[in-house]
Amino acid sequence: MDLVFIRHGQGEHTLDIPKSLQIKDPSLTLKGEKQAKLLRNQFPLTNDDIIIISPTRRTLRTAFIWSENIDCRKIVSPLVSPRLFPLLPDKSTLPCDKILDLEIIQKDFPTFEIDINVPLDLWSDGINVMPENKFIKIAEEFIINCKLLLKEKIYIVSHDGTITSYRQLISGHNLSRKDFPSETGWFQITC
């Protein structure tokens, strides 16, 4: 099985760093929306595909634009929500990386499924500053559950730190911020 991790398009929170990191619920910029549309050519979807999406507006919008008019499964999961990389002690989640409330996701993205197989605390806390040993445990379970979906390829729309955390876990290689994907950049990993 292949996991194709795709970083969201350009988000509003990246336009004036560090000040813009304080934006709550940032969406995509116009450039980010164009980047999401380009994914249609790079990764043409069919109704049989599955996309797992982080519960932030920028990732949800990326998946929505990319999959427009395609009736594939779109599953929203906090298991691919923002993750600080490298993990730093005593850090807290920035406003731009807070997970959207379930009610907002269901209202704004009614055709997306909610991953109900995760503990409720992950829907509020996410994996952003989760201790490494706990992240490894739930990430390994996530990969096993992806294999149970019985697909050759699963797409995951997520964040630079999250993608790099999963890449490091799966590959066994030490990675750094230099290994972050660019906007709508991607990595395919065989599990």
N, C-alpha and C. Protein backbone atom coordinates (compact mmCIF):
# COMPACT_ATOMS: atom_id res chain seq x y z
N MET A 1 0.84 -1.18 0.00
CA MET A 1 0.00 0.00 0.00
C MET A 1 0.89 1.24 0.00
N ASP A 2 0.47 2.23 -0.78
CA ASP A 2 1.18 3.49 -0.83
C ASP A 2 0.36 4.58 -0.16
N LEU A 3 1.01 5.37 0.68
CA LEU A 3 0.41 6.57 1.24
C LEU A 3 1.02 7.75 0.51
N VAL A 4 0.16 8.60 -0.05
CA VAL A 4 0.62 9.79 -0.74
C VAL A 4 0.25 10.98 0.15
N PHE A 5 1.26 11.53 0.82
CA PHE A 5 1.06 12.68 1.69
C PHE A 5 1.19 13.95 0.85
N ILE A 6 0.18 14.81 0.91
CA ILE A 6 0.17 16.05 0.15
C ILE A 6 0.00 17.21 1.13
N ARG A 7 0.89 18.17 1.04
CA ARG A 7 0.75 19.36 1.89
C ARG A 7 -0.33 20.27 1.30
N HIS A 8 -1.08 20.91 2.16
CA HIS A 8 -2.12 21.85 1.73
C HIS A 8 -1.54 22.99 0.90
N GLY A 9 -2.42 23.67 0.16
CA GLY A 9 -2.01 24.84 -0.60
C GLY A 9 -1.64 25.99 0.33
N GLN A 10 -1.11 27.05 -0.26
CA GLN A 10 -0.67 28.19 0.54
C GLN A 10 -1.80 28.69 1.44
N GLY A 11 -1.50 28.82 2.73
CA GLY A 11 -2.48 29.27 3.70
C GLY A 11 -2.27 30.72 4.09
N GLU A 12 -3.33 31.34 4.54
CA GLU A 12 -3.26 32.74 4.97
C GLU A 12 -2.26 32.94 6.11
N HIS A 13 -2.04 31.90 6.89
CA HIS A 13 -1.16 31.99 8.06
C HIS A 13 0.32 32.06 7.70
N THR A 14 0.65 31.91 6.41
CA THR A 14 2.06 31.92 6.00
C THR A 14 2.48 33.23 5.35
N LEU A 15 1.59 34.20 5.29
CA LEU A 15 1.88 35.41 4.53
C LEU A 15 2.69 36.47 5.28
N ASP A 16 2.66 36.44 6.60
CA ASP A 16 3.36 37.47 7.37
C ASP A 16 3.88 36.86 8.67
N ILE A 17 4.73 35.84 8.54
CA ILE A 17 5.25 35.12 9.69
C ILE A 17 6.20 36.03 10.46
N PRO A 18 6.20 36.06 11.77
CA PRO A 18 5.48 35.19 12.70
C PRO A 18 4.08 35.71 13.08
N LYS A 19 3.78 36.96 12.74
CA LYS A 19 2.50 37.54 13.15
C LYS A 19 1.31 36.72 12.63
N SER A 20 1.39 36.26 11.38
CA SER A 20 0.24 35.56 10.78
C SER A 20 -0.02 34.19 11.40
N LEU A 21 0.94 33.65 12.14
CA LEU A 21 0.73 32.37 12.82
C LEU A 21 -0.32 32.49 13.93
N GLN A 22 -0.67 33.71 14.28
CA GLN A 22 -1.69 33.94 15.31
C GLN A 22 -3.11 33.95 14.74
N ILE A 23 -3.24 33.82 13.42
CA ILE A 23 -4.56 33.79 12.78
C ILE A 23 -5.28 32.51 13.17
N LYS A 24 -6.51 32.64 13.62
CA LYS A 24 -7.33 31.47 13.93
C LYS A 24 -8.07 31.04 12.67
N ASP A 25 -8.10 29.75 12.42
CA ASP A 25 -8.85 29.16 11.32
C ASP A 25 -8.46 29.74 9.96
N PRO A 26 -7.15 29.79 9.63
CA PRO A 26 -6.76 30.33 8.34
C PRO A 26 -7.20 29.43 7.19
N SER A 27 -7.62 30.05 6.12
CA SER A 27 -8.01 29.31 4.92
C SER A 27 -6.88 29.38 3.90
N LEU A 28 -7.19 29.07 2.67
CA LEU A 28 -6.23 29.18 1.59
C LEU A 28 -6.22 30.60 1.03
N THR A 29 -5.09 31.00 0.54
CA THR A 29 -4.99 32.24 -0.23
C THR A 29 -5.49 31.93 -1.65
N LEU A 30 -5.59 32.95 -2.48
CA LEU A 30 -5.95 32.70 -3.89
C LEU A 30 -4.90 31.80 -4.55
N LYS A 31 -3.63 32.02 -4.22
CA LYS A 31 -2.57 31.16 -4.74
C LYS A 31 -2.77 29.72 -4.26
N GLY A 32 -3.15 29.55 -3.00
CA GLY A 32 -3.40 28.22 -2.45
C GLY A 32 -4.55 27.52 -3.16
N GLU A 33 -5.59 28.26 -3.51
CA GLU A 33 -6.72 27.68 -4.24
C GLU A 33 -6.27 27.23 -5.64
N LYS A 34 -5.44 28.03 -6.29
CA LYS A 34 -4.92 27.64 -7.61
C LYS A 34 -4.05 26.40 -7.49
N GLN A 35 -3.24 26.33 -6.42
CA GLN A 35 -2.39 25.15 -6.20
C GLN A 35 -3.25 23.91 -6.01
N ALA A 36 -4.36 24.05 -5.28
CA ALA A 36 -5.26 22.90 -5.06
C ALA A 36 -5.87 22.44 -6.38
N LYS A 37 -6.23 23.38 -7.25
CA LYS A 37 -6.78 23.01 -8.56
C LYS A 37 -5.75 22.26 -9.40
N LEU A 38 -4.49 22.63 -9.28
CA LEU A 38 -3.44 21.95 -10.04
C LEU A 38 -3.27 20.49 -9.63
N LEU A 39 -3.68 20.16 -8.41
CA LEU A 39 -3.60 18.76 -7.97
C LEU A 39 -4.48 17.87 -8.84
N ARG A 40 -5.53 18.43 -9.44
CA ARG A 40 -6.42 17.64 -10.31
C ARG A 40 -5.65 17.03 -11.47
N ASN A 41 -4.66 17.77 -11.99
CA ASN A 41 -3.84 17.25 -13.10
C ASN A 41 -2.75 16.31 -12.59
N GLN A 42 -2.18 16.65 -11.46
CA GLN A 42 -1.08 15.85 -10.93
C GLN A 42 -1.56 14.52 -10.36
N PHE A 43 -2.70 14.56 -9.68
CA PHE A 43 -3.27 13.35 -9.08
C PHE A 43 -4.76 13.28 -9.44
N PRO A 44 -5.09 12.87 -10.67
CA PRO A 44 -6.50 12.77 -11.04
C PRO A 44 -7.20 11.73 -10.16
N LEU A 45 -8.30 12.13 -9.56
CA LEU A 45 -9.04 11.26 -8.66
C LEU A 45 -10.16 10.53 -9.39
N THR A 46 -10.53 9.38 -8.84
CA THR A 46 -11.71 8.66 -9.30
C THR A 46 -12.64 8.48 -8.11
N ASN A 47 -13.84 8.02 -8.36
CA ASN A 47 -14.80 7.79 -7.29
C ASN A 47 -14.34 6.70 -6.32
N ASP A 48 -13.36 5.89 -6.73
CA ASP A 48 -12.87 4.80 -5.88
C ASP A 48 -11.76 5.23 -4.93
N ASP A 49 -11.27 6.45 -5.06
CA ASP A 49 -10.16 6.90 -4.23
C ASP A 49 -10.61 7.29 -2.82
N ILE A 50 -9.62 7.34 -1.93
CA ILE A 50 -9.84 7.76 -0.55
C ILE A 50 -8.84 8.88 -0.23
N ILE A 51 -9.38 9.95 0.37
CA ILE A 51 -8.53 11.04 0.86
C ILE A 51 -8.77 11.16 2.35
N ILE A 52 -7.69 11.17 3.12
CA ILE A 52 -7.78 11.41 4.56
C ILE A 52 -7.25 12.83 4.78
N ILE A 53 -8.02 13.63 5.52
CA ILE A 53 -7.76 15.06 5.59
C ILE A 53 -7.64 15.54 7.03
N SER A 54 -6.68 16.40 7.26
CA SER A 54 -6.53 17.06 8.56
C SER A 54 -7.71 17.99 8.80
N PRO A 55 -8.18 18.09 10.04
CA PRO A 55 -9.34 18.94 10.35
C PRO A 55 -9.00 20.42 10.55
N THR A 56 -8.35 21.01 9.55
CA THR A 56 -8.14 22.45 9.52
C THR A 56 -8.73 22.98 8.22
N ARG A 57 -9.14 24.22 8.21
CA ARG A 57 -9.80 24.77 7.02
C ARG A 57 -8.91 24.71 5.78
N ARG A 58 -7.62 24.99 5.91
CA ARG A 58 -6.75 25.00 4.74
C ARG A 58 -6.59 23.63 4.10
N THR A 59 -6.56 22.57 4.92
CA THR A 59 -6.46 21.22 4.36
C THR A 59 -7.81 20.78 3.80
N LEU A 60 -8.89 21.11 4.50
CA LEU A 60 -10.23 20.75 4.02
C LEU A 60 -10.53 21.44 2.70
N ARG A 61 -10.15 22.72 2.59
CA ARG A 61 -10.37 23.46 1.33
C ARG A 61 -9.50 22.88 0.20
N THR A 62 -8.27 22.51 0.52
CA THR A 62 -7.41 21.89 -0.50
C THR A 62 -8.06 20.62 -1.04
N ALA A 63 -8.51 19.76 -0.14
CA ALA A 63 -9.15 18.50 -0.56
C ALA A 63 -10.46 18.77 -1.30
N PHE A 64 -11.23 19.74 -0.83
CA PHE A 64 -12.51 20.05 -1.46
C PHE A 64 -12.30 20.53 -2.91
N ILE A 65 -11.37 21.45 -3.10
CA ILE A 65 -11.11 21.98 -4.45
C ILE A 65 -10.54 20.89 -5.35
N TRP A 66 -9.59 20.13 -4.83
CA TRP A 66 -8.96 19.07 -5.61
C TRP A 66 -9.97 18.01 -6.04
N SER A 67 -10.89 17.66 -5.16
CA SER A 67 -11.81 16.55 -5.43
C SER A 67 -13.18 17.00 -5.94
N GLU A 68 -13.30 18.28 -6.29
CA GLU A 68 -14.59 18.80 -6.74
C GLU A 68 -15.14 17.95 -7.89
N ASN A 69 -16.42 17.58 -7.77
CA ASN A 69 -17.14 16.76 -8.74
C ASN A 69 -16.68 15.31 -8.79
N ILE A 70 -15.90 14.87 -7.83
CA ILE A 70 -15.49 13.47 -7.71
C ILE A 70 -16.11 12.93 -6.42
N ASP A 71 -16.79 11.82 -6.53
CA ASP A 71 -17.49 11.26 -5.37
C ASP A 71 -16.63 10.23 -4.65
N CYS A 72 -15.39 10.60 -4.36
CA CYS A 72 -14.52 9.70 -3.61
C CYS A 72 -14.76 9.89 -2.12
N ARG A 73 -14.25 8.95 -1.32
CA ARG A 73 -14.37 9.08 0.13
C ARG A 73 -13.41 10.14 0.63
N LYS A 74 -13.92 11.02 1.45
CA LYS A 74 -13.12 12.08 2.06
C LYS A 74 -13.32 11.96 3.56
N ILE A 75 -12.28 11.50 4.26
CA ILE A 75 -12.36 11.22 5.69
C ILE A 75 -11.52 12.25 6.45
N VAL A 76 -12.15 12.94 7.38
CA VAL A 76 -11.44 13.94 8.19
C VAL A 76 -10.96 13.27 9.47
N SER A 77 -9.67 13.39 9.75
CA SER A 77 -9.09 12.71 10.92
C SER A 77 -8.06 13.56 11.64
N PRO A 78 -8.15 13.64 12.96
CA PRO A 78 -7.13 14.36 13.73
C PRO A 78 -5.79 13.62 13.76
N LEU A 79 -5.74 12.39 13.26
CA LEU A 79 -4.49 11.64 13.24
C LEU A 79 -3.51 12.19 12.21
N VAL A 80 -3.99 13.12 11.35
CA VAL A 80 -3.10 13.78 10.39
C VAL A 80 -3.19 15.31 10.55
N SER A 81 -3.60 15.73 11.74
CA SER A 81 -3.70 17.16 12.05
C SER A 81 -2.30 17.76 12.20
N PRO A 82 -2.19 19.08 12.38
CA PRO A 82 -0.86 19.69 12.50
C PRO A 82 0.00 19.03 13.58
N ARG A 83 1.29 18.91 13.26
CA ARG A 83 2.26 18.36 14.22
C ARG A 83 3.52 19.21 14.18
N LEU A 84 3.95 19.63 15.34
CA LEU A 84 5.19 20.38 15.47
C LEU A 84 6.37 19.47 15.15
N PHE A 85 7.25 19.93 14.27
CA PHE A 85 8.43 19.14 13.91
C PHE A 85 9.61 20.08 13.74
N PRO A 86 10.70 19.79 14.43
CA PRO A 86 10.83 18.76 15.45
C PRO A 86 10.03 19.15 16.69
N LEU A 87 9.65 18.15 17.44
CA LEU A 87 8.89 18.39 18.66
C LEU A 87 9.78 19.11 19.68
N LEU A 88 9.29 20.21 20.18
CA LEU A 88 10.03 20.99 21.17
C LEU A 88 9.31 20.92 22.51
N PRO A 89 10.05 20.76 23.60
CA PRO A 89 9.40 20.67 24.92
C PRO A 89 8.72 21.98 25.29
N ASP A 90 7.65 21.87 26.03
CA ASP A 90 6.94 23.02 26.60
C ASP A 90 6.38 23.98 25.55
N LYS A 91 6.10 23.50 24.37
CA LYS A 91 5.48 24.34 23.35
C LYS A 91 3.97 24.09 23.36
N SER A 92 3.22 25.06 22.89
CA SER A 92 1.78 24.89 22.80
C SER A 92 1.36 25.10 21.34
N THR A 93 0.16 24.68 21.04
CA THR A 93 -0.35 24.77 19.69
C THR A 93 -0.64 26.23 19.34
N LEU A 94 -0.15 26.67 18.20
CA LEU A 94 -0.40 28.02 17.72
C LEU A 94 -1.87 28.15 17.28
N PRO A 95 -2.42 29.36 17.32
CA PRO A 95 -3.81 29.56 16.89
C PRO A 95 -4.08 29.04 15.47
N CYS A 96 -3.12 29.20 14.56
CA CYS A 96 -3.32 28.76 13.18
C CYS A 96 -3.42 27.24 13.05
N ASP A 97 -2.95 26.50 14.05
CA ASP A 97 -2.94 25.04 13.99
C ASP A 97 -4.01 24.38 14.85
N LYS A 98 -4.93 25.16 15.37
CA LYS A 98 -6.03 24.58 16.16
C LYS A 98 -6.97 23.82 15.23
N ILE A 99 -7.43 22.70 15.69
CA ILE A 99 -8.37 21.87 14.94
C ILE A 99 -9.75 22.52 14.96
N LEU A 100 -10.45 22.45 13.82
CA LEU A 100 -11.81 22.97 13.75
C LEU A 100 -12.75 22.11 14.59
N ASP A 101 -13.76 22.73 15.16
CA ASP A 101 -14.79 21.98 15.89
C ASP A 101 -15.53 21.07 14.92
N LEU A 102 -15.94 19.92 15.42
CA LEU A 102 -16.66 18.96 14.59
C LEU A 102 -17.90 19.57 13.95
N GLU A 103 -18.61 20.40 14.72
CA GLU A 103 -19.84 21.01 14.19
C GLU A 103 -19.54 21.90 12.99
N ILE A 104 -18.44 22.63 13.04
CA ILE A 104 -18.06 23.49 11.92
C ILE A 104 -17.69 22.66 10.70
N ILE A 105 -16.94 21.59 10.93
CA ILE A 105 -16.56 20.71 9.81
C ILE A 105 -17.82 20.14 9.16
N GLN A 106 -18.74 19.63 9.97
CA GLN A 106 -19.96 19.02 9.42
C GLN A 106 -20.82 20.05 8.69
N LYS A 107 -20.84 21.28 9.18
CA LYS A 107 -21.64 22.33 8.55
C LYS A 107 -20.99 22.81 7.25
N ASP A 108 -19.68 23.07 7.28
CA ASP A 108 -19.00 23.64 6.12
C ASP A 108 -18.58 22.61 5.08
N PHE A 109 -18.43 21.36 5.48
CA PHE A 109 -18.00 20.29 4.57
C PHE A 109 -18.91 19.07 4.76
N PRO A 110 -20.18 19.20 4.45
CA PRO A 110 -21.15 18.14 4.79
C PRO A 110 -20.94 16.81 4.05
N THR A 111 -20.20 16.81 2.95
CA THR A 111 -19.97 15.55 2.23
C THR A 111 -18.75 14.80 2.74
N PHE A 112 -18.03 15.38 3.69
CA PHE A 112 -16.84 14.74 4.24
C PHE A 112 -17.25 13.86 5.42
N GLU A 113 -16.63 12.69 5.53
CA GLU A 113 -16.86 11.78 6.66
C GLU A 113 -15.98 12.21 7.84
N ILE A 114 -16.46 11.96 9.02
CA ILE A 114 -15.69 12.21 10.24
C ILE A 114 -15.14 10.87 10.73
N ASP A 115 -13.85 10.82 11.01
CA ASP A 115 -13.23 9.60 11.53
C ASP A 115 -13.70 9.41 12.97
N ILE A 116 -14.61 8.48 13.15
CA ILE A 116 -15.19 8.24 14.48
C ILE A 116 -14.41 7.19 15.26
N ASN A 117 -13.35 6.66 14.67
CA ASN A 117 -12.57 5.61 15.32
C ASN A 117 -11.37 6.14 16.09
N VAL A 118 -11.40 7.41 16.43
CA VAL A 118 -10.30 7.99 17.22
C VAL A 118 -10.86 8.51 18.54
N PRO A 119 -10.04 8.53 19.58
CA PRO A 119 -10.50 9.05 20.86
C PRO A 119 -10.94 10.50 20.75
N LEU A 120 -11.98 10.86 21.48
CA LEU A 120 -12.53 12.22 21.42
C LEU A 120 -11.51 13.29 21.78
N ASP A 121 -10.58 12.99 22.69
CA ASP A 121 -9.61 14.00 23.08
C ASP A 121 -8.72 14.43 21.91
N LEU A 122 -8.55 13.57 20.93
CA LEU A 122 -7.75 13.95 19.75
C LEU A 122 -8.47 14.99 18.90
N TRP A 123 -9.80 15.05 19.00
CA TRP A 123 -10.55 16.05 18.26
C TRP A 123 -10.41 17.44 18.88
N SER A 124 -9.96 17.49 20.11
CA SER A 124 -9.71 18.80 20.72
C SER A 124 -8.22 19.11 20.80
N ASP A 125 -7.41 18.10 21.13
CA ASP A 125 -5.98 18.32 21.34
C ASP A 125 -5.13 18.06 20.10
N GLY A 126 -5.56 17.15 19.26
CA GLY A 126 -4.79 16.80 18.08
C GLY A 126 -3.46 16.15 18.44
N ILE A 127 -2.54 16.15 17.49
CA ILE A 127 -1.23 15.51 17.68
C ILE A 127 -0.10 16.52 17.69
N ASN A 128 -0.41 17.81 17.67
CA ASN A 128 0.58 18.86 17.48
C ASN A 128 1.74 18.78 18.46
N VAL A 129 1.48 18.75 19.72
CA VAL A 129 2.54 18.73 20.72
C VAL A 129 2.51 17.44 21.55
N MET A 130 1.90 16.42 20.99
CA MET A 130 1.81 15.11 21.65
C MET A 130 3.23 14.54 21.83
N PRO A 131 3.52 13.97 22.99
CA PRO A 131 4.85 13.36 23.19
C PRO A 131 5.15 12.33 22.10
N GLU A 132 6.42 12.24 21.74
CA GLU A 132 6.84 11.40 20.62
C GLU A 132 6.41 9.94 20.78
N ASN A 133 6.56 9.38 21.99
CA ASN A 133 6.21 7.96 22.18
C ASN A 133 4.72 7.72 21.96
N LYS A 134 3.89 8.67 22.37
CA LYS A 134 2.44 8.54 22.15
C LYS A 134 2.12 8.72 20.66
N PHE A 135 2.77 9.68 20.01
CA PHE A 135 2.56 9.87 18.57
C PHE A 135 2.91 8.61 17.80
N ILE A 136 4.05 8.01 18.11
CA ILE A 136 4.48 6.80 17.39
C ILE A 136 3.43 5.71 17.52
N LYS A 137 2.88 5.54 18.70
CA LYS A 137 1.87 4.50 18.91
C LYS A 137 0.63 4.76 18.06
N ILE A 138 0.09 5.98 18.09
CA ILE A 138 -1.13 6.22 17.32
C ILE A 138 -0.84 6.29 15.81
N ALA A 139 0.37 6.73 15.43
CA ALA A 139 0.73 6.76 14.01
C ALA A 139 0.83 5.34 13.46
N GLU A 140 1.41 4.44 14.23
CA GLU A 140 1.49 3.04 13.79
C GLU A 140 0.10 2.43 13.66
N GLU A 141 -0.80 2.76 14.59
CA GLU A 141 -2.19 2.29 14.49
C GLU A 141 -2.88 2.88 13.26
N PHE A 142 -2.62 4.15 12.99
CA PHE A 142 -3.19 4.81 11.82
C PHE A 142 -2.77 4.08 10.54
N ILE A 143 -1.50 3.75 10.43
CA ILE A 143 -0.98 3.05 9.24
C ILE A 143 -1.64 1.68 9.11
N ILE A 144 -1.78 0.97 10.21
CA ILE A 144 -2.47 -0.34 10.18
C ILE A 144 -3.90 -0.16 9.69
N ASN A 145 -4.60 0.86 10.21
CA ASN A 145 -5.99 1.10 9.80
C ASN A 145 -6.07 1.49 8.33
N CYS A 146 -5.08 2.20 7.81
CA CYS A 146 -5.06 2.51 6.38
C CYS A 146 -4.96 1.23 5.56
N LYS A 147 -4.13 0.29 6.01
CA LYS A 147 -4.00 -0.99 5.31
C LYS A 147 -5.31 -1.75 5.29
N LEU A 148 -6.11 -1.60 6.35
CA LEU A 148 -7.40 -2.29 6.43
C LEU A 148 -8.42 -1.73 5.43
N LEU A 149 -8.16 -0.55 4.89
CA LEU A 149 -9.05 0.03 3.88
C LEU A 149 -8.92 -0.69 2.54
N LEU A 150 -7.91 -1.55 2.42
CA LEU A 150 -7.70 -2.39 1.25
C LEU A 150 -7.61 -1.60 -0.06
N LYS A 151 -6.84 -0.55 -0.01
CA LYS A 151 -6.58 0.26 -1.20
C LYS A 151 -5.10 0.21 -1.52
N GLU A 152 -4.77 0.26 -2.81
CA GLU A 152 -3.36 0.30 -3.19
C GLU A 152 -2.73 1.64 -2.85
N LYS A 153 -3.57 2.70 -2.87
CA LYS A 153 -3.06 4.04 -2.64
C LYS A 153 -4.09 4.83 -1.86
N ILE A 154 -3.62 5.55 -0.84
CA ILE A 154 -4.47 6.44 -0.06
C ILE A 154 -3.80 7.81 -0.04
N TYR A 155 -4.59 8.83 -0.32
CA TYR A 155 -4.08 10.20 -0.29
C TYR A 155 -4.33 10.81 1.08
N ILE A 156 -3.38 11.59 1.57
CA ILE A 156 -3.50 12.24 2.86
C ILE A 156 -3.14 13.72 2.68
N VAL A 157 -4.10 14.60 2.96
CA VAL A 157 -3.86 16.04 2.87
C VAL A 157 -3.57 16.54 4.28
N SER A 158 -2.36 17.03 4.47
CA SER A 158 -1.91 17.35 5.82
C SER A 158 -0.98 18.56 5.82
N HIS A 159 -0.05 18.57 6.75
CA HIS A 159 0.82 19.70 7.04
C HIS A 159 2.29 19.29 6.98
N ASP A 160 3.17 20.27 6.78
CA ASP A 160 4.59 19.97 6.62
C ASP A 160 5.17 19.17 7.79
N GLY A 161 4.90 19.60 9.03
CA GLY A 161 5.45 18.89 10.19
C GLY A 161 4.86 17.50 10.36
N THR A 162 3.58 17.35 10.07
CA THR A 162 2.92 16.05 10.19
C THR A 162 3.48 15.09 9.14
N ILE A 163 3.56 15.56 7.92
CA ILE A 163 4.08 14.72 6.84
C ILE A 163 5.51 14.28 7.16
N THR A 164 6.32 15.19 7.65
CA THR A 164 7.71 14.86 7.97
C THR A 164 7.78 13.89 9.15
N SER A 165 6.89 14.04 10.12
CA SER A 165 6.85 13.10 11.25
C SER A 165 6.51 11.69 10.77
N TYR A 166 5.52 11.56 9.91
CA TYR A 166 5.15 10.24 9.38
C TYR A 166 6.27 9.69 8.49
N ARG A 167 6.86 10.53 7.67
CA ARG A 167 7.97 10.07 6.81
C ARG A 167 9.12 9.53 7.65
N GLN A 168 9.46 10.24 8.72
CA GLN A 168 10.55 9.81 9.58
C GLN A 168 10.21 8.46 10.23
N LEU A 169 8.98 8.33 10.71
CA LEU A 169 8.56 7.08 11.34
C LEU A 169 8.61 5.91 10.35
N ILE A 170 8.04 6.11 9.17
CA ILE A 170 7.95 5.02 8.20
C ILE A 170 9.31 4.67 7.61
N SER A 171 10.10 5.69 7.30
CA SER A 171 11.40 5.43 6.65
C SER A 171 12.49 5.01 7.62
N GLY A 172 12.35 5.42 8.89
CA GLY A 172 13.39 5.13 9.87
C GLY A 172 14.59 6.05 9.75
N HIS A 173 14.51 7.06 8.88
CA HIS A 173 15.60 8.02 8.71
C HIS A 173 15.31 9.29 9.51
N ASN A 174 16.37 9.88 10.06
CA ASN A 174 16.21 11.16 10.74
C ASN A 174 16.03 12.25 9.70
N LEU A 175 15.00 13.06 9.89
CA LEU A 175 14.70 14.15 8.97
C LEU A 175 14.76 15.47 9.72
N SER A 176 14.76 16.56 8.98
CA SER A 176 14.79 17.89 9.59
C SER A 176 13.79 18.79 8.85
N ARG A 177 13.71 20.04 9.29
CA ARG A 177 12.82 20.99 8.64
C ARG A 177 13.19 21.21 7.17
N LYS A 178 14.43 20.91 6.81
CA LYS A 178 14.85 21.01 5.41
C LYS A 178 14.11 20.00 4.54
N ASP A 179 13.55 18.98 5.17
CA ASP A 179 12.83 17.93 4.44
C ASP A 179 11.34 18.23 4.28
N PHE A 180 10.89 19.40 4.74
CA PHE A 180 9.47 19.76 4.62
C PHE A 180 9.07 19.86 3.15
N PRO A 181 7.87 19.40 2.84
CA PRO A 181 7.36 19.59 1.47
C PRO A 181 6.92 21.04 1.27
N SER A 182 6.98 21.52 0.04
CA SER A 182 6.48 22.85 -0.28
C SER A 182 4.95 22.80 -0.35
N GLU A 183 4.33 23.93 -0.61
CA GLU A 183 2.87 23.97 -0.71
C GLU A 183 2.41 23.04 -1.83
N THR A 184 1.48 22.19 -1.54
CA THR A 184 0.98 21.09 -2.37
C THR A 184 2.09 20.16 -2.83
N GLY A 185 3.24 20.23 -2.15
CA GLY A 185 4.28 19.23 -2.38
C GLY A 185 3.83 17.90 -1.81
N TRP A 186 4.43 16.82 -2.25
CA TRP A 186 3.96 15.50 -1.86
C TRP A 186 5.11 14.50 -1.72
N PHE A 187 4.79 13.45 -0.96
CA PHE A 187 5.69 12.33 -0.81
C PHE A 187 4.87 11.05 -0.85
N GLN A 188 5.34 10.09 -1.61
CA GLN A 188 4.68 8.78 -1.66
C GLN A 188 5.55 7.81 -0.88
N ILE A 189 4.92 7.11 0.05
CA ILE A 189 5.64 6.20 0.93
C ILE A 189 4.96 4.84 0.88
N THR A 190 5.73 3.80 0.63
CA THR A 190 5.19 2.45 0.60
C THR A 190 5.25 1.86 2.00
N CYS A 191 4.12 1.32 2.43
CA CYS A 191 4.05 0.69 3.77
C CYS A 191 3.86 -0.80 3.65
